Amino acid sequence: MLYSLLTLFVFLAISVGSVESGLEKITPNMDMASRTLGKGPFTTLCRIHFPLLRPALVAGSILVFVDTMKELPATLILRPFNFETLATFVYQYASDELLMECAPAALTIVFAGILPVILLNAAIDNKS
């Protein structure tokens, strides 16, 4: 139980940091301008805040996805019995020194983790 809470806080810290950087773009003047135009809080949230936060939310989601893909200790402790993930599959075969058998799964983890990072990097480069 304690380990799962610690894991939650680790991943929460990653996502909160991303969302905080997105929230810095939203100034109180934007809310005031929306109120001046007669828009309510919900409309302001949907039309101003969410579009401005979308890149930060996507970036935070990608970072949490990549971190959870490679998180082996949490997977080993929290997984149900007779349930294998790529990380536990690679760990089992690597600990048995069957490196040829675990190589495709290990490469899958690497590619599944690096592809979102490459896409995120390309999106950041296109904005600059």
N, C-alpha and C. Protein backbone atom coordinates (compact mmCIF):
# COMPACT_ATOMS: atom_id res chain seq x y z
N MET A 1 0.82 -1.19 0.00
CA MET A 1 0.00 0.00 0.00
C MET A 1 0.87 1.26 0.00
N LEU A 2 1.88 1.27 0.84
CA LEU A 2 2.75 2.43 0.92
C LEU A 2 3.50 2.64 -0.38
N TYR A 3 3.96 1.54 -1.00
CA TYR A 3 4.70 1.67 -2.25
C TYR A 3 3.82 2.23 -3.35
N SER A 4 2.55 1.80 -3.38
CA SER A 4 1.66 2.31 -4.43
C SER A 4 1.40 3.80 -4.23
N LEU A 5 1.32 4.26 -2.98
CA LEU A 5 1.16 5.69 -2.73
C LEU A 5 2.39 6.47 -3.15
N LEU A 6 3.57 5.92 -2.89
CA LEU A 6 4.80 6.59 -3.31
C LEU A 6 4.88 6.67 -4.83
N THR A 7 4.49 5.60 -5.50
CA THR A 7 4.50 5.59 -6.95
C THR A 7 3.51 6.62 -7.50
N LEU A 8 2.35 6.71 -6.86
CA LEU A 8 1.36 7.70 -7.27
C LEU A 8 1.91 9.10 -7.17
N PHE A 9 2.60 9.40 -6.06
CA PHE A 9 3.14 10.74 -5.88
C PHE A 9 4.26 11.04 -6.87
N VAL A 10 5.05 10.05 -7.25
CA VAL A 10 6.11 10.27 -8.24
C VAL A 10 5.50 10.66 -9.57
N PHE A 11 4.49 9.90 -10.02
CA PHE A 11 3.88 10.20 -11.31
C PHE A 11 3.03 11.47 -11.24
N LEU A 12 2.44 11.74 -10.08
CA LEU A 12 1.66 12.95 -9.92
C LEU A 12 2.56 14.18 -10.01
N ALA A 13 3.76 14.09 -9.47
CA ALA A 13 4.69 15.21 -9.54
C ALA A 13 5.06 15.55 -10.97
N ILE A 14 5.21 14.54 -11.79
CA ILE A 14 5.54 14.77 -13.20
C ILE A 14 4.41 15.50 -13.90
N SER A 15 3.18 15.02 -13.71
CA SER A 15 2.05 15.62 -14.41
C SER A 15 1.71 17.00 -13.86
N VAL A 16 1.83 17.20 -12.56
CA VAL A 16 1.52 18.51 -11.98
C VAL A 16 2.52 19.56 -12.46
N GLY A 17 3.77 19.18 -12.58
CA GLY A 17 4.77 20.13 -13.08
C GLY A 17 4.46 20.58 -14.49
N SER A 18 3.98 19.67 -15.31
CA SER A 18 3.62 20.02 -16.68
C SER A 18 2.40 20.94 -16.72
N VAL A 19 1.40 20.63 -15.91
CA VAL A 19 0.19 21.45 -15.90
C VAL A 19 0.47 22.83 -15.30
N GLU A 20 1.33 22.91 -14.31
CA GLU A 20 1.68 24.21 -13.73
C GLU A 20 2.33 25.12 -14.76
N SER A 21 3.19 24.55 -15.60
CA SER A 21 3.81 25.37 -16.65
C SER A 21 2.77 25.87 -17.64
N GLY A 22 1.74 25.08 -17.89
CA GLY A 22 0.66 25.52 -18.77
C GLY A 22 -0.20 26.58 -18.11
N LEU A 23 -0.42 26.46 -16.81
CA LEU A 23 -1.24 27.44 -16.10
C LEU A 23 -0.58 28.80 -16.01
N GLU A 24 0.74 28.85 -16.11
CA GLU A 24 1.44 30.12 -16.07
C GLU A 24 1.10 30.99 -17.27
N LYS A 25 0.62 30.39 -18.36
CA LYS A 25 0.26 31.15 -19.56
C LYS A 25 -1.08 31.86 -19.40
N ILE A 26 -1.88 31.43 -18.45
CA ILE A 26 -3.21 32.00 -18.26
C ILE A 26 -3.12 33.09 -17.21
N THR A 27 -3.43 34.31 -17.62
CA THR A 27 -3.35 35.44 -16.70
C THR A 27 -4.75 35.81 -16.21
N PRO A 28 -4.83 36.49 -15.08
CA PRO A 28 -6.14 36.95 -14.61
C PRO A 28 -6.82 37.90 -15.59
N ASN A 29 -6.03 38.59 -16.41
CA ASN A 29 -6.61 39.50 -17.40
C ASN A 29 -7.47 38.75 -18.40
N MET A 30 -7.12 37.52 -18.72
CA MET A 30 -7.92 36.73 -19.65
C MET A 30 -9.30 36.43 -19.06
N ASP A 31 -9.32 36.11 -17.77
CA ASP A 31 -10.60 35.86 -17.11
C ASP A 31 -11.43 37.13 -17.06
N MET A 32 -10.79 38.25 -16.77
CA MET A 32 -11.52 39.52 -16.70
C MET A 32 -12.07 39.91 -18.06
N ALA A 33 -11.28 39.68 -19.11
CA ALA A 33 -11.76 40.00 -20.45
C ALA A 33 -12.96 39.12 -20.82
N SER A 34 -12.91 37.87 -20.44
CA SER A 34 -14.03 36.97 -20.70
C SER A 34 -15.28 37.41 -19.95
N ARG A 35 -15.12 37.82 -18.71
CA ARG A 35 -16.25 38.31 -17.92
C ARG A 35 -16.81 39.61 -18.52
N THR A 36 -15.93 40.46 -19.02
CA THR A 36 -16.36 41.71 -19.65
C THR A 36 -17.21 41.43 -20.88
N LEU A 37 -16.87 40.38 -21.60
CA LEU A 37 -17.64 39.99 -22.79
C LEU A 37 -18.91 39.23 -22.45
N GLY A 38 -19.18 39.05 -21.16
CA GLY A 38 -20.42 38.43 -20.74
C GLY A 38 -20.39 36.92 -20.67
N LYS A 39 -19.23 36.33 -20.66
CA LYS A 39 -19.11 34.88 -20.59
C LYS A 39 -19.02 34.44 -19.13
N GLY A 40 -19.61 33.29 -18.83
CA GLY A 40 -19.58 32.75 -17.48
C GLY A 40 -18.32 31.96 -17.21
N PRO A 41 -18.18 31.46 -15.98
CA PRO A 41 -16.98 30.71 -15.62
C PRO A 41 -16.81 29.42 -16.43
N PHE A 42 -17.91 28.71 -16.69
CA PHE A 42 -17.80 27.46 -17.44
C PHE A 42 -17.39 27.71 -18.88
N THR A 43 -17.97 28.74 -19.50
CA THR A 43 -17.60 29.10 -20.87
C THR A 43 -16.15 29.54 -20.93
N THR A 44 -15.71 30.29 -19.93
CA THR A 44 -14.31 30.72 -19.88
C THR A 44 -13.39 29.51 -19.76
N LEU A 45 -13.79 28.56 -18.94
CA LEU A 45 -12.99 27.35 -18.77
C LEU A 45 -12.88 26.58 -20.08
N CYS A 46 -14.01 26.41 -20.76
CA CYS A 46 -14.03 25.62 -22.00
C CYS A 46 -13.39 26.32 -23.18
N ARG A 47 -13.57 27.64 -23.29
CA ARG A 47 -13.10 28.35 -24.48
C ARG A 47 -11.72 28.99 -24.33
N ILE A 48 -11.28 29.22 -23.11
CA ILE A 48 -9.98 29.88 -22.91
C ILE A 48 -8.99 28.97 -22.21
N HIS A 49 -9.38 28.43 -21.06
CA HIS A 49 -8.43 27.68 -20.26
C HIS A 49 -8.05 26.34 -20.89
N PHE A 50 -9.04 25.54 -21.31
CA PHE A 50 -8.72 24.23 -21.88
C PHE A 50 -7.88 24.31 -23.15
N PRO A 51 -8.20 25.21 -24.11
CA PRO A 51 -7.31 25.29 -25.29
C PRO A 51 -5.88 25.70 -24.95
N LEU A 52 -5.73 26.57 -23.95
CA LEU A 52 -4.38 26.96 -23.56
C LEU A 52 -3.66 25.87 -22.77
N LEU A 53 -4.43 25.05 -22.05
CA LEU A 53 -3.83 23.97 -21.25
C LEU A 53 -3.62 22.68 -22.04
N ARG A 54 -4.25 22.54 -23.19
CA ARG A 54 -4.18 21.29 -23.95
C ARG A 54 -2.74 20.83 -24.22
N PRO A 55 -1.83 21.70 -24.71
CA PRO A 55 -0.45 21.22 -24.93
C PRO A 55 0.23 20.73 -23.65
N ALA A 56 -0.01 21.42 -22.54
CA ALA A 56 0.60 21.01 -21.28
C ALA A 56 0.01 19.69 -20.80
N LEU A 57 -1.30 19.49 -20.98
CA LEU A 57 -1.93 18.24 -20.59
C LEU A 57 -1.43 17.07 -21.43
N VAL A 58 -1.27 17.31 -22.73
CA VAL A 58 -0.76 16.26 -23.61
C VAL A 58 0.69 15.94 -23.25
N ALA A 59 1.49 16.96 -23.02
CA ALA A 59 2.89 16.74 -22.64
C ALA A 59 2.99 15.98 -21.32
N GLY A 60 2.18 16.36 -20.34
CA GLY A 60 2.18 15.64 -19.06
C GLY A 60 1.75 14.20 -19.22
N SER A 61 0.75 13.96 -20.05
CA SER A 61 0.28 12.59 -20.29
C SER A 61 1.38 11.75 -20.94
N ILE A 62 2.06 12.33 -21.90
CA ILE A 62 3.14 11.59 -22.58
C ILE A 62 4.27 11.28 -21.61
N LEU A 63 4.64 12.23 -20.78
CA LEU A 63 5.71 11.99 -19.81
C LEU A 63 5.34 10.92 -18.80
N VAL A 64 4.09 10.95 -18.32
CA VAL A 64 3.65 9.92 -17.38
C VAL A 64 3.59 8.56 -18.08
N PHE A 65 3.13 8.52 -19.33
CA PHE A 65 3.09 7.26 -20.08
C PHE A 65 4.48 6.66 -20.22
N VAL A 66 5.44 7.48 -20.60
CA VAL A 66 6.82 6.99 -20.78
C VAL A 66 7.39 6.49 -19.46
N ASP A 67 7.14 7.21 -18.38
CA ASP A 67 7.66 6.78 -17.08
C ASP A 67 6.99 5.50 -16.60
N THR A 68 5.70 5.35 -16.82
CA THR A 68 5.04 4.12 -16.39
C THR A 68 5.43 2.94 -17.26
N MET A 69 5.79 3.19 -18.53
CA MET A 69 6.24 2.09 -19.40
C MET A 69 7.50 1.45 -18.87
N LYS A 70 8.37 2.26 -18.32
CA LYS A 70 9.67 1.74 -17.88
C LYS A 70 9.74 1.48 -16.38
N GLU A 71 8.63 1.59 -15.68
CA GLU A 71 8.61 1.41 -14.23
C GLU A 71 8.49 -0.06 -13.89
N LEU A 72 9.59 -0.71 -13.65
CA LEU A 72 9.58 -2.13 -13.34
C LEU A 72 9.27 -2.45 -11.88
N PRO A 73 9.84 -1.77 -10.90
CA PRO A 73 9.53 -2.15 -9.51
C PRO A 73 8.05 -2.06 -9.17
N ALA A 74 7.39 -1.02 -9.63
CA ALA A 74 5.96 -0.90 -9.35
C ALA A 74 5.19 -2.01 -10.04
N THR A 75 5.60 -2.36 -11.23
CA THR A 75 4.91 -3.43 -11.96
C THR A 75 5.09 -4.76 -11.26
N LEU A 76 6.28 -5.03 -10.77
CA LEU A 76 6.52 -6.30 -10.09
C LEU A 76 5.74 -6.41 -8.78
N ILE A 77 5.60 -5.31 -8.07
CA ILE A 77 4.92 -5.35 -6.78
C ILE A 77 3.41 -5.33 -6.94
N LEU A 78 2.89 -4.54 -7.87
CA LEU A 78 1.46 -4.30 -7.95
C LEU A 78 0.71 -5.19 -8.93
N ARG A 79 1.38 -5.98 -9.70
CA ARG A 79 0.69 -6.78 -10.71
C ARG A 79 -0.04 -7.97 -10.08
N PRO A 80 -1.13 -8.39 -10.71
CA PRO A 80 -1.84 -9.58 -10.21
C PRO A 80 -1.04 -10.85 -10.54
N PHE A 81 -1.38 -11.94 -9.88
CA PHE A 81 -0.70 -13.20 -10.15
C PHE A 81 -1.01 -13.67 -11.57
N ASN A 82 -0.04 -14.32 -12.19
CA ASN A 82 -0.16 -14.86 -13.55
C ASN A 82 -0.50 -13.79 -14.57
N PHE A 83 0.00 -12.59 -14.37
CA PHE A 83 -0.22 -11.50 -15.30
C PHE A 83 1.13 -10.95 -15.69
N GLU A 84 1.46 -11.01 -16.96
CA GLU A 84 2.77 -10.57 -17.44
C GLU A 84 2.61 -9.30 -18.26
N THR A 85 3.47 -8.34 -18.01
CA THR A 85 3.58 -7.16 -18.85
C THR A 85 4.91 -7.25 -19.59
N LEU A 86 5.15 -6.31 -20.49
CA LEU A 86 6.43 -6.34 -21.20
C LEU A 86 7.60 -6.21 -20.24
N ALA A 87 7.44 -5.35 -19.24
CA ALA A 87 8.55 -5.14 -18.29
C ALA A 87 8.83 -6.41 -17.49
N THR A 88 7.78 -7.09 -17.02
CA THR A 88 8.01 -8.31 -16.25
C THR A 88 8.50 -9.44 -17.14
N PHE A 89 8.05 -9.46 -18.39
CA PHE A 89 8.53 -10.46 -19.35
C PHE A 89 10.03 -10.29 -19.58
N VAL A 90 10.45 -9.06 -19.81
CA VAL A 90 11.88 -8.79 -20.04
C VAL A 90 12.68 -9.11 -18.78
N TYR A 91 12.17 -8.72 -17.63
CA TYR A 91 12.87 -8.97 -16.38
C TYR A 91 13.05 -10.47 -16.14
N GLN A 92 12.00 -11.24 -16.37
CA GLN A 92 12.06 -12.68 -16.14
C GLN A 92 13.10 -13.34 -17.05
N TYR A 93 13.03 -13.03 -18.34
CA TYR A 93 13.98 -13.65 -19.27
C TYR A 93 15.40 -13.14 -19.08
N ALA A 94 15.55 -11.85 -18.74
CA ALA A 94 16.90 -11.32 -18.52
C ALA A 94 17.51 -11.91 -17.25
N SER A 95 16.70 -12.14 -16.22
CA SER A 95 17.24 -12.73 -15.00
C SER A 95 17.60 -14.20 -15.22
N ASP A 96 16.95 -14.86 -16.17
CA ASP A 96 17.31 -16.24 -16.54
C ASP A 96 18.40 -16.27 -17.60
N GLU A 97 18.93 -15.11 -17.95
CA GLU A 97 19.99 -14.95 -18.95
C GLU A 97 19.59 -15.48 -20.32
N LEU A 98 18.33 -15.32 -20.67
CA LEU A 98 17.82 -15.66 -22.01
C LEU A 98 17.64 -14.36 -22.78
N LEU A 99 18.76 -13.75 -23.13
CA LEU A 99 18.74 -12.40 -23.69
C LEU A 99 18.13 -12.36 -25.09
N MET A 100 18.31 -13.41 -25.87
CA MET A 100 17.73 -13.42 -27.21
C MET A 100 16.20 -13.44 -27.15
N GLU A 101 15.65 -14.09 -26.14
CA GLU A 101 14.20 -14.19 -26.03
C GLU A 101 13.58 -12.88 -25.52
N CYS A 102 14.34 -12.15 -24.71
CA CYS A 102 13.78 -10.91 -24.17
C CYS A 102 14.07 -9.69 -25.03
N ALA A 103 14.93 -9.82 -26.02
CA ALA A 103 15.31 -8.67 -26.84
C ALA A 103 14.13 -8.02 -27.57
N PRO A 104 13.25 -8.79 -28.23
CA PRO A 104 12.12 -8.12 -28.92
C PRO A 104 11.22 -7.34 -27.96
N ALA A 105 10.95 -7.90 -26.80
CA ALA A 105 10.10 -7.19 -25.83
C ALA A 105 10.82 -5.95 -25.30
N ALA A 106 12.11 -6.05 -25.06
CA ALA A 106 12.87 -4.90 -24.58
C ALA A 106 12.90 -3.79 -25.62
N LEU A 107 13.07 -4.16 -26.87
CA LEU A 107 13.04 -3.16 -27.94
C LEU A 107 11.66 -2.54 -28.10
N THR A 108 10.64 -3.32 -27.86
CA THR A 108 9.28 -2.79 -27.91
C THR A 108 9.08 -1.73 -26.83
N ILE A 109 9.60 -1.99 -25.64
CA ILE A 109 9.51 -0.99 -24.56
C ILE A 109 10.27 0.27 -24.96
N VAL A 110 11.44 0.11 -25.54
CA VAL A 110 12.24 1.27 -25.93
C VAL A 110 11.51 2.08 -27.00
N PHE A 111 11.00 1.41 -28.03
CA PHE A 111 10.31 2.13 -29.10
C PHE A 111 9.00 2.74 -28.64
N ALA A 112 8.27 2.04 -27.78
CA ALA A 112 7.01 2.58 -27.25
C ALA A 112 7.27 3.77 -26.34
N GLY A 113 8.42 3.81 -25.73
CA GLY A 113 8.76 4.94 -24.88
C GLY A 113 9.36 6.11 -25.63
N ILE A 114 10.10 5.82 -26.70
CA ILE A 114 10.78 6.91 -27.40
C ILE A 114 9.93 7.55 -28.48
N LEU A 115 8.98 6.82 -29.03
CA LEU A 115 8.13 7.38 -30.08
C LEU A 115 7.31 8.57 -29.58
N PRO A 116 6.64 8.49 -28.43
CA PRO A 116 5.93 9.68 -27.95
C PRO A 116 6.86 10.86 -27.64
N VAL A 117 8.06 10.57 -27.18
CA VAL A 117 9.01 11.65 -26.90
C VAL A 117 9.45 12.32 -28.20
N ILE A 118 9.66 11.56 -29.24
CA ILE A 118 10.01 12.14 -30.54
C ILE A 118 8.87 13.00 -31.07
N LEU A 119 7.63 12.52 -30.94
CA LEU A 119 6.48 13.30 -31.38
C LEU A 119 6.32 14.58 -30.57
N LEU A 120 6.55 14.49 -29.26
CA LEU A 120 6.48 15.67 -28.41
C LEU A 120 7.56 16.67 -28.77
N ASN A 121 8.76 16.19 -29.04
CA ASN A 121 9.86 17.06 -29.43
C ASN A 121 9.55 17.74 -30.76
N ALA A 122 8.97 16.99 -31.71
CA ALA A 122 8.62 17.59 -33.01
C ALA A 122 7.54 18.66 -32.83
N ALA A 123 6.58 18.41 -31.95
CA ALA A 123 5.54 19.40 -31.71
C ALA A 123 6.11 20.66 -31.08
N ILE A 124 7.07 20.50 -30.18
CA ILE A 124 7.70 21.67 -29.55
C ILE A 124 8.52 22.45 -30.57
N ASP A 125 9.23 21.73 -31.45
CA ASP A 125 10.02 22.40 -32.49
C ASP A 125 9.15 23.16 -33.47
N ASN A 126 7.97 22.62 -33.78
CA ASN A 126 7.07 23.32 -34.72
C ASN A 126 6.51 24.59 -34.12
N LYS A 127 6.37 24.63 -32.81
CA LYS A 127 5.87 25.84 -32.15
C LYS A 127 6.91 26.94 -32.12
N SER A 128 8.18 26.57 -32.05
CA SER A 128 9.24 27.57 -31.92
C SER A 128 9.47 28.33 -33.20
